[in-house]
Amino acid sequence: MKQLNLSAIICSFLVGLSLVVSSVIISQSSDRELMKDGSKYKPLLTIGEAAEYLHITESQVRAIISSEESMRSRDVDSLLFPVVRIGTDNFISTDGLQEWLKESLKRRLNYQ
């Protein structure tokens, strides 16, 4: 009878240990939410990061922002480039950038 109790205690300990280890692994993996290109997800990107994400130069991103600002008064229905100004810094919404890119491809926008 003592052998059975010892086996039950060891099995219970192993099951509990495996639950703790698996919960730690799951909690750490949820922190590593990745974007499609393998980089860590960031809700806001700098102009440099947005340029890298789009595979264009920073000056091209700035040109798009300038063009979009001039279009803002003329075209109310279009989805504008998702720039957010915080103080003197410009940031671009990652989710908004993906939506803007899809919309721009549909409309075949041309930037100078």
N, C-alpha and C. Protein backbone atom coordinates (compact mmCIF):
# COMPACT_ATOMS: atom_id res chain seq x y z
N MET A 1 0.82 -1.19 0.00
CA MET A 1 0.00 0.00 0.00
C MET A 1 0.87 1.27 0.00
N LYS A 2 2.01 1.24 0.72
CA LYS A 2 2.90 2.40 0.75
C LYS A 2 3.48 2.68 -0.63
N GLN A 3 3.76 1.63 -1.40
CA GLN A 3 4.30 1.79 -2.75
C GLN A 3 3.30 2.54 -3.63
N LEU A 4 2.01 2.25 -3.50
CA LEU A 4 0.97 2.90 -4.29
C LEU A 4 0.86 4.37 -3.92
N ASN A 5 0.93 4.71 -2.64
CA ASN A 5 0.86 6.11 -2.21
C ASN A 5 2.06 6.90 -2.72
N LEU A 6 3.24 6.32 -2.68
CA LEU A 6 4.44 6.99 -3.16
C LEU A 6 4.34 7.24 -4.67
N SER A 7 3.82 6.28 -5.42
CA SER A 7 3.65 6.44 -6.87
C SER A 7 2.65 7.55 -7.17
N ALA A 8 1.57 7.61 -6.42
CA ALA A 8 0.55 8.64 -6.62
C ALA A 8 1.13 10.03 -6.33
N ILE A 9 1.93 10.14 -5.29
CA ILE A 9 2.54 11.43 -4.94
C ILE A 9 3.52 11.88 -6.03
N ILE A 10 4.34 10.96 -6.52
CA ILE A 10 5.30 11.29 -7.57
C ILE A 10 4.58 11.70 -8.85
N CYS A 11 3.54 10.96 -9.23
CA CYS A 11 2.76 11.30 -10.43
C CYS A 11 2.10 12.67 -10.29
N SER A 12 1.53 12.94 -9.13
CA SER A 12 0.89 14.23 -8.90
C SER A 12 1.90 15.37 -9.00
N PHE A 13 3.08 15.15 -8.44
CA PHE A 13 4.13 16.16 -8.50
C PHE A 13 4.55 16.43 -9.95
N LEU A 14 4.72 15.37 -10.74
CA LEU A 14 5.13 15.53 -12.13
C LEU A 14 4.06 16.25 -12.96
N VAL A 15 2.79 15.92 -12.72
CA VAL A 15 1.70 16.59 -13.44
C VAL A 15 1.67 18.08 -13.07
N GLY A 16 1.80 18.39 -11.80
CA GLY A 16 1.82 19.79 -11.37
C GLY A 16 2.99 20.55 -11.95
N LEU A 17 4.16 19.93 -11.94
CA LEU A 17 5.35 20.55 -12.50
C LEU A 17 5.19 20.82 -14.00
N SER A 18 4.62 19.86 -14.71
CA SER A 18 4.43 20.06 -16.15
C SER A 18 3.43 21.18 -16.43
N LEU A 19 2.41 21.34 -15.59
CA LEU A 19 1.46 22.44 -15.75
C LEU A 19 2.14 23.79 -15.55
N VAL A 20 2.97 23.87 -14.53
CA VAL A 20 3.68 25.13 -14.25
C VAL A 20 4.63 25.47 -15.40
N VAL A 21 5.39 24.51 -15.86
CA VAL A 21 6.35 24.75 -16.94
C VAL A 21 5.62 25.14 -18.23
N SER A 22 4.53 24.46 -18.55
CA SER A 22 3.81 24.79 -19.78
C SER A 22 3.17 26.18 -19.70
N SER A 23 2.69 26.58 -18.53
CA SER A 23 2.10 27.92 -18.40
C SER A 23 3.17 29.01 -18.54
N VAL A 24 4.37 28.76 -18.05
CA VAL A 24 5.46 29.72 -18.22
C VAL A 24 5.84 29.84 -19.70
N ILE A 25 5.91 28.72 -20.39
CA ILE A 25 6.25 28.73 -21.82
C ILE A 25 5.19 29.49 -22.61
N ILE A 26 3.93 29.25 -22.32
CA ILE A 26 2.84 29.92 -23.04
C ILE A 26 2.85 31.42 -22.76
N SER A 27 3.08 31.81 -21.51
CA SER A 27 3.08 33.24 -21.19
C SER A 27 4.23 33.97 -21.88
N GLN A 28 5.37 33.33 -22.02
CA GLN A 28 6.50 33.96 -22.70
C GLN A 28 6.29 34.02 -24.20
N SER A 29 5.65 33.03 -24.77
CA SER A 29 5.45 33.04 -26.22
C SER A 29 4.42 34.08 -26.63
N SER A 30 3.45 34.40 -25.78
CA SER A 30 2.46 35.42 -26.14
C SER A 30 3.09 36.81 -26.14
N ASP A 31 4.19 37.00 -25.42
CA ASP A 31 4.89 38.28 -25.43
C ASP A 31 5.67 38.49 -26.72
N ARG A 32 5.90 37.45 -27.45
CA ARG A 32 6.71 37.52 -28.67
C ARG A 32 5.84 37.56 -29.91
N GLU A 33 4.87 38.44 -29.91
CA GLU A 33 4.00 38.57 -31.07
C GLU A 33 4.82 39.15 -32.21
N LEU A 34 4.88 38.41 -33.32
CA LEU A 34 5.74 38.83 -34.42
C LEU A 34 4.94 39.33 -35.61
N MET A 35 5.54 40.23 -36.34
CA MET A 35 4.96 40.68 -37.60
C MET A 35 5.32 39.66 -38.67
N LYS A 36 4.73 39.80 -39.83
CA LYS A 36 4.97 38.84 -40.91
C LYS A 36 6.43 38.80 -41.34
N ASP A 37 7.14 39.90 -41.22
CA ASP A 37 8.53 39.92 -41.64
C ASP A 37 9.47 39.40 -40.55
N GLY A 38 8.93 38.95 -39.43
CA GLY A 38 9.73 38.36 -38.37
C GLY A 38 10.15 39.32 -37.28
N SER A 39 9.91 40.61 -37.46
CA SER A 39 10.27 41.57 -36.42
C SER A 39 9.17 41.66 -35.38
N LYS A 40 9.52 42.14 -34.21
CA LYS A 40 8.54 42.25 -33.13
C LYS A 40 7.52 43.33 -33.46
N TYR A 41 6.26 43.07 -33.17
CA TYR A 41 5.18 44.00 -33.48
C TYR A 41 5.32 45.26 -32.64
N LYS A 42 5.23 46.39 -33.30
CA LYS A 42 5.25 47.69 -32.64
C LYS A 42 4.04 48.46 -33.16
N PRO A 43 3.21 49.00 -32.28
CA PRO A 43 2.03 49.73 -32.75
C PRO A 43 2.37 51.02 -33.49
N LEU A 44 3.48 51.66 -33.11
CA LEU A 44 3.91 52.89 -33.79
C LEU A 44 5.33 52.72 -34.31
N LEU A 45 5.56 53.21 -35.52
CA LEU A 45 6.88 53.15 -36.13
C LEU A 45 7.42 54.56 -36.33
N THR A 46 8.73 54.69 -36.26
CA THR A 46 9.35 55.96 -36.63
C THR A 46 9.34 56.05 -38.16
N ILE A 47 9.70 57.21 -38.68
CA ILE A 47 9.74 57.35 -40.14
C ILE A 47 10.77 56.39 -40.73
N GLY A 48 11.90 56.24 -40.07
CA GLY A 48 12.92 55.31 -40.54
C GLY A 48 12.43 53.87 -40.55
N GLU A 49 11.73 53.47 -39.49
CA GLU A 49 11.20 52.11 -39.42
C GLU A 49 10.12 51.88 -40.47
N ALA A 50 9.28 52.90 -40.69
CA ALA A 50 8.24 52.79 -41.72
C ALA A 50 8.88 52.68 -43.10
N ALA A 51 9.93 53.44 -43.33
CA ALA A 51 10.64 53.36 -44.61
C ALA A 51 11.23 51.97 -44.81
N GLU A 52 11.81 51.44 -43.76
CA GLU A 52 12.38 50.10 -43.83
C GLU A 52 11.28 49.06 -44.07
N TYR A 53 10.16 49.22 -43.40
CA TYR A 53 9.02 48.31 -43.54
C TYR A 53 8.49 48.31 -44.97
N LEU A 54 8.44 49.52 -45.58
CA LEU A 54 7.92 49.66 -46.94
C LEU A 54 9.00 49.45 -48.01
N HIS A 55 10.26 49.33 -47.59
CA HIS A 55 11.41 49.18 -48.49
C HIS A 55 11.55 50.40 -49.41
N ILE A 56 11.41 51.57 -48.82
CA ILE A 56 11.64 52.83 -49.52
C ILE A 56 12.52 53.70 -48.63
N THR A 57 12.91 54.86 -49.13
CA THR A 57 13.77 55.75 -48.34
C THR A 57 12.94 56.63 -47.40
N GLU A 58 13.62 57.19 -46.41
CA GLU A 58 12.94 58.10 -45.47
C GLU A 58 12.41 59.34 -46.19
N SER A 59 13.17 59.83 -47.17
CA SER A 59 12.70 61.01 -47.91
C SER A 59 11.44 60.70 -48.70
N GLN A 60 11.30 59.47 -49.18
CA GLN A 60 10.08 59.09 -49.89
C GLN A 60 8.89 59.03 -48.93
N VAL A 61 9.12 58.57 -47.70
CA VAL A 61 8.05 58.55 -46.70
C VAL A 61 7.63 59.98 -46.38
N ARG A 62 8.60 60.87 -46.21
CA ARG A 62 8.28 62.28 -45.94
C ARG A 62 7.52 62.91 -47.11
N ALA A 63 7.89 62.53 -48.34
CA ALA A 63 7.18 63.05 -49.52
C ALA A 63 5.73 62.57 -49.54
N ILE A 64 5.50 61.33 -49.14
CA ILE A 64 4.14 60.80 -49.08
C ILE A 64 3.34 61.57 -48.04
N ILE A 65 3.95 61.82 -46.88
CA ILE A 65 3.26 62.57 -45.82
C ILE A 65 2.90 63.97 -46.31
N SER A 66 3.83 64.64 -46.99
CA SER A 66 3.56 65.98 -47.52
C SER A 66 2.45 65.95 -48.56
N SER A 67 2.50 64.98 -49.45
CA SER A 67 1.46 64.86 -50.48
C SER A 67 0.10 64.59 -49.86
N GLU A 68 0.08 63.73 -48.85
CA GLU A 68 -1.18 63.40 -48.19
C GLU A 68 -1.76 64.62 -47.48
N GLU A 69 -0.89 65.45 -46.89
CA GLU A 69 -1.38 66.65 -46.21
C GLU A 69 -2.01 67.62 -47.19
N SER A 70 -1.45 67.73 -48.39
CA SER A 70 -2.05 68.61 -49.39
C SER A 70 -3.32 68.01 -49.97
N MET A 71 -3.41 66.67 -50.02
CA MET A 71 -4.61 66.00 -50.52
C MET A 71 -5.75 66.04 -49.50
N ARG A 72 -5.41 66.21 -48.24
CA ARG A 72 -6.40 66.18 -47.16
C ARG A 72 -7.55 67.15 -47.41
N SER A 73 -7.23 68.33 -47.89
CA SER A 73 -8.27 69.35 -48.11
C SER A 73 -9.12 69.03 -49.34
N ARG A 74 -8.56 68.34 -50.32
CA ARG A 74 -9.29 68.06 -51.56
C ARG A 74 -10.09 66.77 -51.51
N ASP A 75 -9.54 65.71 -50.94
CA ASP A 75 -10.14 64.38 -51.01
C ASP A 75 -10.50 63.90 -49.61
N VAL A 76 -11.74 64.10 -49.21
CA VAL A 76 -12.17 63.78 -47.85
C VAL A 76 -12.40 62.29 -47.66
N ASP A 77 -12.82 61.59 -48.71
CA ASP A 77 -13.19 60.18 -48.59
C ASP A 77 -12.01 59.22 -48.56
N SER A 78 -10.84 59.64 -48.98
CA SER A 78 -9.72 58.72 -49.08
C SER A 78 -9.09 58.46 -47.71
N LEU A 79 -8.46 57.31 -47.61
CA LEU A 79 -7.75 56.93 -46.40
C LEU A 79 -6.37 57.57 -46.45
N LEU A 80 -6.07 58.42 -45.48
CA LEU A 80 -4.81 59.15 -45.48
C LEU A 80 -3.70 58.35 -44.81
N PHE A 81 -2.47 58.71 -45.13
CA PHE A 81 -1.30 58.08 -44.54
C PHE A 81 -1.39 58.21 -43.02
N PRO A 82 -1.23 57.12 -42.28
CA PRO A 82 -1.51 57.11 -40.84
C PRO A 82 -0.41 57.71 -39.97
N VAL A 83 -0.13 58.98 -40.16
CA VAL A 83 0.91 59.64 -39.38
C VAL A 83 0.30 60.25 -38.12
N VAL A 84 1.03 60.11 -37.01
CA VAL A 84 0.61 60.66 -35.72
C VAL A 84 1.73 61.58 -35.25
N ARG A 85 1.40 62.81 -34.93
CA ARG A 85 2.41 63.75 -34.44
C ARG A 85 2.35 63.80 -32.92
N ILE A 86 3.48 63.51 -32.30
CA ILE A 86 3.61 63.60 -30.84
C ILE A 86 4.73 64.59 -30.58
N GLY A 87 4.35 65.78 -30.16
CA GLY A 87 5.33 66.84 -30.01
C GLY A 87 5.85 67.23 -31.38
N THR A 88 7.15 67.13 -31.57
CA THR A 88 7.74 67.44 -32.87
C THR A 88 8.07 66.18 -33.67
N ASP A 89 7.79 65.02 -33.08
CA ASP A 89 8.11 63.75 -33.74
C ASP A 89 6.91 63.20 -34.49
N ASN A 90 7.18 62.55 -35.61
CA ASN A 90 6.15 61.87 -36.40
C ASN A 90 6.28 60.37 -36.20
N PHE A 91 5.15 59.72 -35.97
CA PHE A 91 5.10 58.27 -35.86
C PHE A 91 4.03 57.77 -36.81
N ILE A 92 4.19 56.53 -37.26
CA ILE A 92 3.24 55.95 -38.20
C ILE A 92 2.63 54.72 -37.55
N SER A 93 1.30 54.63 -37.59
CA SER A 93 0.57 53.49 -37.04
C SER A 93 0.83 52.27 -37.92
N THR A 94 1.26 51.18 -37.31
CA THR A 94 1.55 49.96 -38.05
C THR A 94 0.28 49.40 -38.70
N ASP A 95 -0.79 49.29 -37.92
CA ASP A 95 -2.04 48.77 -38.46
C ASP A 95 -2.60 49.70 -39.52
N GLY A 96 -2.55 51.00 -39.26
CA GLY A 96 -3.03 51.99 -40.22
C GLY A 96 -2.21 51.97 -41.50
N LEU A 97 -0.91 51.71 -41.37
CA LEU A 97 -0.04 51.65 -42.54
C LEU A 97 -0.43 50.50 -43.45
N GLN A 98 -0.76 49.36 -42.87
CA GLN A 98 -1.18 48.21 -43.67
C GLN A 98 -2.49 48.51 -44.39
N GLU A 99 -3.44 49.15 -43.69
CA GLU A 99 -4.71 49.52 -44.32
C GLU A 99 -4.49 50.55 -45.43
N TRP A 100 -3.66 51.56 -45.14
CA TRP A 100 -3.38 52.59 -46.13
C TRP A 100 -2.74 51.99 -47.38
N LEU A 101 -1.82 51.05 -47.18
CA LEU A 101 -1.14 50.42 -48.31
C LEU A 101 -2.13 49.68 -49.20
N LYS A 102 -3.04 48.92 -48.59
CA LYS A 102 -4.06 48.20 -49.36
C LYS A 102 -4.93 49.18 -50.15
N GLU A 103 -5.37 50.25 -49.48
CA GLU A 103 -6.23 51.24 -50.12
C GLU A 103 -5.48 51.97 -51.25
N SER A 104 -4.23 52.30 -51.03
CA SER A 104 -3.44 53.00 -52.04
C SER A 104 -3.21 52.13 -53.27
N LEU A 105 -3.02 50.84 -53.04
CA LEU A 105 -2.85 49.93 -54.17
C LEU A 105 -4.14 49.82 -54.98
N LYS A 106 -5.28 49.82 -54.30
CA LYS A 106 -6.57 49.77 -55.01
C LYS A 106 -6.76 51.03 -55.85
N ARG A 107 -6.41 52.17 -55.28
CA ARG A 107 -6.62 53.46 -55.96
C ARG A 107 -5.47 53.80 -56.91
N ARG A 108 -4.39 53.02 -56.86
CA ARG A 108 -3.21 53.23 -57.71
C ARG A 108 -2.69 54.66 -57.62
N LEU A 109 -2.47 55.08 -56.39
CA LEU A 109 -1.98 56.44 -56.16
C LEU A 109 -0.55 56.59 -56.69
N ASN A 110 -0.24 57.78 -57.15
CA ASN A 110 1.08 58.08 -57.68
C ASN A 110 1.65 59.27 -56.90
N TYR A 111 2.80 59.07 -56.26
CA TYR A 111 3.44 60.12 -55.48
C TYR A 111 4.70 60.58 -56.18
N GLN A 112 4.97 61.86 -56.08
CA GLN A 112 6.17 62.45 -56.71
C GLN A 112 7.24 62.67 -55.68
